[in-house]
Amino acid sequence: MPEKVLFESESSQDRAAIADYLRRVADNLEAGEAITLSAGDQSVTMEPPARPTFEVKAEREGPTDGPGELSVEFELEWDEGVDGGDGSGELRIE
């Protein structure tokens, strides 16, 4: 299935600012509200269903014998027009 990027933003931020963004997303999810992302002239509003799929990844990219780039990714996925799906196992974040 081809992917079309609707919005993209990447910048260096301190931990407190990142936590604030994540908290806003969490608050909107909990309230059942849409999530609007905007930066510069880009803007997109997404309305996650009641049960989207929640994907979490921890990755390391780069050579096996040297320093690489580490990342933690959080992703909500859902099919357009569908209310959500089932997960596979219970996630714990500590």
N, C-alpha and C. Protein backbone atom coordinates (compact mmCIF):
# COMPACT_ATOMS: atom_id res chain seq x y z
N MET A 1 0.84 -1.17 0.00
CA MET A 1 0.00 0.00 0.00
C MET A 1 0.90 1.24 0.00
N PRO A 2 0.73 2.14 -0.94
CA PRO A 2 1.57 3.34 -0.97
C PRO A 2 1.29 4.25 0.22
N GLU A 3 2.34 4.92 0.67
CA GLU A 3 2.23 5.82 1.81
C GLU A 3 2.32 7.26 1.34
N LYS A 4 1.43 8.10 1.83
CA LYS A 4 1.46 9.53 1.54
C LYS A 4 1.65 10.26 2.86
N VAL A 5 2.71 11.01 2.99
CA VAL A 5 2.97 11.76 4.21
C VAL A 5 2.08 12.99 4.22
N LEU A 6 1.21 13.09 5.23
CA LEU A 6 0.28 14.22 5.36
C LEU A 6 0.88 15.37 6.15
N PHE A 7 1.84 15.05 7.02
CA PHE A 7 2.48 16.06 7.86
C PHE A 7 3.81 15.48 8.34
N GLU A 8 4.82 16.33 8.42
CA GLU A 8 6.11 15.89 8.95
C GLU A 8 6.81 17.06 9.59
N SER A 9 7.38 16.83 10.76
CA SER A 9 8.15 17.84 11.46
C SER A 9 9.24 17.13 12.24
N GLU A 10 10.44 17.65 12.17
CA GLU A 10 11.56 17.08 12.92
C GLU A 10 12.45 18.21 13.39
N SER A 11 12.69 18.28 14.69
CA SER A 11 13.57 19.32 15.23
C SER A 11 14.10 18.86 16.58
N SER A 12 15.23 19.40 16.96
CA SER A 12 15.82 19.10 18.26
C SER A 12 15.03 19.86 19.33
N GLN A 13 14.59 19.16 20.36
CA GLN A 13 13.79 19.76 21.44
C GLN A 13 14.32 19.24 22.77
N ASP A 14 14.12 20.00 23.83
CA ASP A 14 14.49 19.45 25.14
C ASP A 14 13.39 18.50 25.62
N ARG A 15 13.72 17.68 26.59
CA ARG A 15 12.79 16.64 27.07
C ARG A 15 11.46 17.22 27.55
N ALA A 16 11.51 18.36 28.23
CA ALA A 16 10.28 18.97 28.76
C ALA A 16 9.33 19.37 27.63
N ALA A 17 9.87 19.91 26.54
CA ALA A 17 9.03 20.32 25.41
C ALA A 17 8.41 19.10 24.74
N ILE A 18 9.20 18.03 24.59
CA ILE A 18 8.68 16.80 24.00
C ILE A 18 7.57 16.23 24.87
N ALA A 19 7.79 16.22 26.18
CA ALA A 19 6.77 15.71 27.11
C ALA A 19 5.49 16.52 26.99
N ASP A 20 5.61 17.83 26.79
CA ASP A 20 4.43 18.69 26.63
C ASP A 20 3.65 18.31 25.39
N TYR A 21 4.33 18.07 24.26
CA TYR A 21 3.65 17.63 23.03
C TYR A 21 2.94 16.29 23.26
N LEU A 22 3.64 15.34 23.87
CA LEU A 22 3.04 14.02 24.11
C LEU A 22 1.85 14.13 25.05
N ARG A 23 1.95 15.00 26.05
CA ARG A 23 0.85 15.20 27.00
C ARG A 23 -0.38 15.76 26.29
N ARG A 24 -0.16 16.70 25.35
CA ARG A 24 -1.30 17.27 24.60
C ARG A 24 -1.98 16.18 23.77
N VAL A 25 -1.18 15.34 23.13
CA VAL A 25 -1.76 14.24 22.36
C VAL A 25 -2.53 13.31 23.29
N ALA A 26 -1.93 12.96 24.44
CA ALA A 26 -2.59 12.08 25.40
C ALA A 26 -3.90 12.68 25.90
N ASP A 27 -3.89 13.97 26.20
CA ASP A 27 -5.12 14.63 26.67
C ASP A 27 -6.21 14.58 25.61
N ASN A 28 -5.86 14.84 24.35
CA ASN A 28 -6.85 14.79 23.28
C ASN A 28 -7.38 13.37 23.07
N LEU A 29 -6.50 12.38 23.13
CA LEU A 29 -6.94 10.99 23.00
C LEU A 29 -7.92 10.63 24.11
N GLU A 30 -7.54 10.96 25.33
CA GLU A 30 -8.39 10.63 26.48
C GLU A 30 -9.76 11.30 26.39
N ALA A 31 -9.79 12.51 25.85
CA ALA A 31 -11.05 13.27 25.74
C ALA A 31 -11.84 12.89 24.48
N GLY A 32 -11.26 12.04 23.63
CA GLY A 32 -11.95 11.66 22.39
C GLY A 32 -11.96 12.77 21.36
N GLU A 33 -11.00 13.68 21.46
CA GLU A 33 -10.93 14.82 20.55
C GLU A 33 -9.95 14.58 19.41
N ALA A 34 -10.09 15.35 18.35
CA ALA A 34 -9.18 15.29 17.22
C ALA A 34 -7.80 15.80 17.63
N ILE A 35 -6.79 15.43 16.86
CA ILE A 35 -5.42 15.88 17.08
C ILE A 35 -5.02 16.71 15.87
N THR A 36 -4.67 17.97 16.09
CA THR A 36 -4.23 18.83 15.01
C THR A 36 -2.73 19.06 15.14
N LEU A 37 -2.02 18.77 14.05
CA LEU A 37 -0.58 18.99 13.98
C LEU A 37 -0.34 20.16 13.04
N SER A 38 0.50 21.11 13.45
CA SER A 38 0.79 22.24 12.57
C SER A 38 2.20 22.75 12.81
N ALA A 39 2.81 23.17 11.73
CA ALA A 39 4.15 23.78 11.76
C ALA A 39 4.30 24.57 10.48
N GLY A 40 4.62 25.85 10.60
CA GLY A 40 4.74 26.69 9.41
C GLY A 40 3.44 26.71 8.63
N ASP A 41 3.50 26.40 7.34
CA ASP A 41 2.28 26.40 6.51
C ASP A 41 1.64 25.01 6.41
N GLN A 42 2.18 24.04 7.16
CA GLN A 42 1.60 22.69 7.17
C GLN A 42 0.60 22.56 8.32
N SER A 43 -0.48 21.84 8.08
CA SER A 43 -1.44 21.56 9.14
C SER A 43 -2.29 20.36 8.73
N VAL A 44 -2.54 19.48 9.68
CA VAL A 44 -3.42 18.34 9.44
C VAL A 44 -4.15 18.03 10.74
N THR A 45 -5.43 17.68 10.61
CA THR A 45 -6.23 17.26 11.77
C THR A 45 -6.62 15.81 11.56
N MET A 46 -6.34 14.99 12.57
CA MET A 46 -6.63 13.56 12.53
C MET A 46 -7.62 13.24 13.65
N GLU A 47 -8.55 12.33 13.38
CA GLU A 47 -9.52 11.92 14.39
C GLU A 47 -9.39 10.42 14.63
N PRO A 48 -8.51 10.04 15.58
CA PRO A 48 -8.34 8.62 15.87
C PRO A 48 -9.64 8.01 16.38
N PRO A 49 -9.92 6.76 16.00
CA PRO A 49 -11.11 6.09 16.50
C PRO A 49 -10.94 5.71 17.98
N ALA A 50 -11.96 5.16 18.56
CA ALA A 50 -11.93 4.77 19.97
C ALA A 50 -10.86 3.72 20.27
N ARG A 51 -10.53 2.85 19.29
CA ARG A 51 -9.54 1.81 19.50
C ARG A 51 -8.54 1.72 18.34
N PRO A 52 -7.66 2.71 18.20
CA PRO A 52 -6.63 2.61 17.16
C PRO A 52 -5.59 1.57 17.58
N THR A 53 -4.79 1.14 16.64
CA THR A 53 -3.65 0.26 16.96
C THR A 53 -2.51 1.16 17.43
N PHE A 54 -1.90 0.78 18.55
CA PHE A 54 -0.80 1.55 19.13
C PHE A 54 0.48 0.75 18.95
N GLU A 55 1.42 1.29 18.18
CA GLU A 55 2.67 0.61 17.89
C GLU A 55 3.81 1.37 18.56
N VAL A 56 4.68 0.62 19.25
CA VAL A 56 5.84 1.20 19.91
C VAL A 56 7.07 0.47 19.41
N LYS A 57 8.09 1.22 19.02
CA LYS A 57 9.34 0.63 18.53
C LYS A 57 10.53 1.30 19.21
N ALA A 58 11.53 0.51 19.54
CA ALA A 58 12.83 1.02 19.94
C ALA A 58 13.79 0.50 18.88
N GLU A 59 14.52 1.42 18.24
CA GLU A 59 15.37 1.04 17.12
C GLU A 59 16.79 1.57 17.28
N ARG A 60 17.70 0.87 16.64
CA ARG A 60 19.08 1.34 16.49
C ARG A 60 19.42 1.22 15.02
N GLU A 61 19.85 2.32 14.43
CA GLU A 61 20.25 2.34 13.02
C GLU A 61 21.74 2.66 12.95
N GLY A 62 22.43 1.98 12.07
CA GLY A 62 23.85 2.27 11.88
C GLY A 62 24.66 1.00 11.83
N PRO A 63 25.96 1.15 11.75
CA PRO A 63 26.84 -0.02 11.63
C PRO A 63 26.84 -0.85 12.92
N THR A 64 27.01 -2.15 12.78
CA THR A 64 27.01 -3.02 13.96
C THR A 64 28.28 -2.85 14.79
N ASP A 65 29.35 -2.34 14.18
CA ASP A 65 30.62 -2.22 14.90
C ASP A 65 30.96 -0.78 15.30
N GLY A 66 29.98 0.10 15.28
CA GLY A 66 30.25 1.49 15.65
C GLY A 66 29.01 2.18 16.16
N PRO A 67 29.15 3.45 16.51
CA PRO A 67 28.00 4.19 17.02
C PRO A 67 26.90 4.34 15.97
N GLY A 68 25.68 4.31 16.43
CA GLY A 68 24.53 4.46 15.54
C GLY A 68 23.58 5.50 16.07
N GLU A 69 22.39 5.48 15.54
CA GLU A 69 21.33 6.40 15.98
C GLU A 69 20.25 5.58 16.67
N LEU A 70 19.87 5.99 17.87
CA LEU A 70 18.82 5.30 18.63
C LEU A 70 17.53 6.09 18.53
N SER A 71 16.40 5.37 18.55
CA SER A 71 15.11 6.07 18.52
C SER A 71 14.06 5.26 19.25
N VAL A 72 13.08 5.99 19.76
CA VAL A 72 11.86 5.40 20.31
C VAL A 72 10.73 6.02 19.50
N GLU A 73 9.89 5.18 18.91
CA GLU A 73 8.80 5.66 18.06
C GLU A 73 7.46 5.22 18.64
N PHE A 74 6.51 6.14 18.67
CA PHE A 74 5.14 5.87 19.08
C PHE A 74 4.25 6.16 17.88
N GLU A 75 3.41 5.21 17.52
CA GLU A 75 2.57 5.40 16.33
C GLU A 75 1.15 4.90 16.59
N LEU A 76 0.19 5.70 16.21
CA LEU A 76 -1.22 5.29 16.23
C LEU A 76 -1.60 4.98 14.79
N GLU A 77 -2.24 3.84 14.57
CA GLU A 77 -2.66 3.46 13.22
C GLU A 77 -4.12 3.04 13.25
N TRP A 78 -4.82 3.34 12.14
CA TRP A 78 -6.19 2.86 11.98
C TRP A 78 -6.55 2.95 10.52
N ASP A 79 -7.48 2.12 10.11
CA ASP A 79 -7.98 2.17 8.75
C ASP A 79 -9.03 3.26 8.66
N GLU A 80 -9.00 4.01 7.59
CA GLU A 80 -10.01 5.04 7.41
C GLU A 80 -11.39 4.42 7.40
N GLY A 81 -12.30 5.00 8.15
CA GLY A 81 -13.67 4.51 8.20
C GLY A 81 -13.89 3.30 9.09
N VAL A 82 -12.86 2.87 9.83
CA VAL A 82 -12.98 1.71 10.72
C VAL A 82 -12.71 2.17 12.14
N ASP A 83 -13.41 1.59 13.11
CA ASP A 83 -13.32 2.04 14.49
C ASP A 83 -12.11 1.50 15.26
N GLY A 84 -11.26 0.69 14.68
CA GLY A 84 -10.08 0.20 15.40
C GLY A 84 -10.01 -1.31 15.40
N GLY A 85 -8.95 -1.83 16.03
CA GLY A 85 -8.74 -3.27 16.01
C GLY A 85 -8.27 -3.80 17.34
N ASP A 86 -7.80 -5.03 17.30
CA ASP A 86 -7.31 -5.70 18.49
C ASP A 86 -5.78 -5.62 18.54
N GLY A 87 -5.23 -5.60 19.74
CA GLY A 87 -3.79 -5.58 19.90
C GLY A 87 -3.25 -6.99 20.09
N SER A 88 -1.94 -7.08 20.20
CA SER A 88 -1.32 -8.38 20.41
C SER A 88 -0.45 -8.30 21.67
N GLY A 89 -1.02 -8.55 22.82
CA GLY A 89 -0.27 -8.51 24.07
C GLY A 89 -0.36 -7.16 24.75
N GLU A 90 -0.13 -7.17 26.05
CA GLU A 90 -0.22 -5.95 26.85
C GLU A 90 1.11 -5.21 26.85
N LEU A 91 1.07 -3.93 26.57
CA LEU A 91 2.26 -3.08 26.56
C LEU A 91 2.48 -2.51 27.94
N ARG A 92 3.73 -2.48 28.36
CA ARG A 92 4.11 -1.79 29.61
C ARG A 92 5.22 -0.80 29.27
N ILE A 93 5.09 0.42 29.75
CA ILE A 93 6.14 1.43 29.61
C ILE A 93 6.49 1.90 31.00
N GLU A 94 7.75 1.79 31.34
CA GLU A 94 8.20 2.16 32.69
C GLU A 94 9.17 3.32 32.64
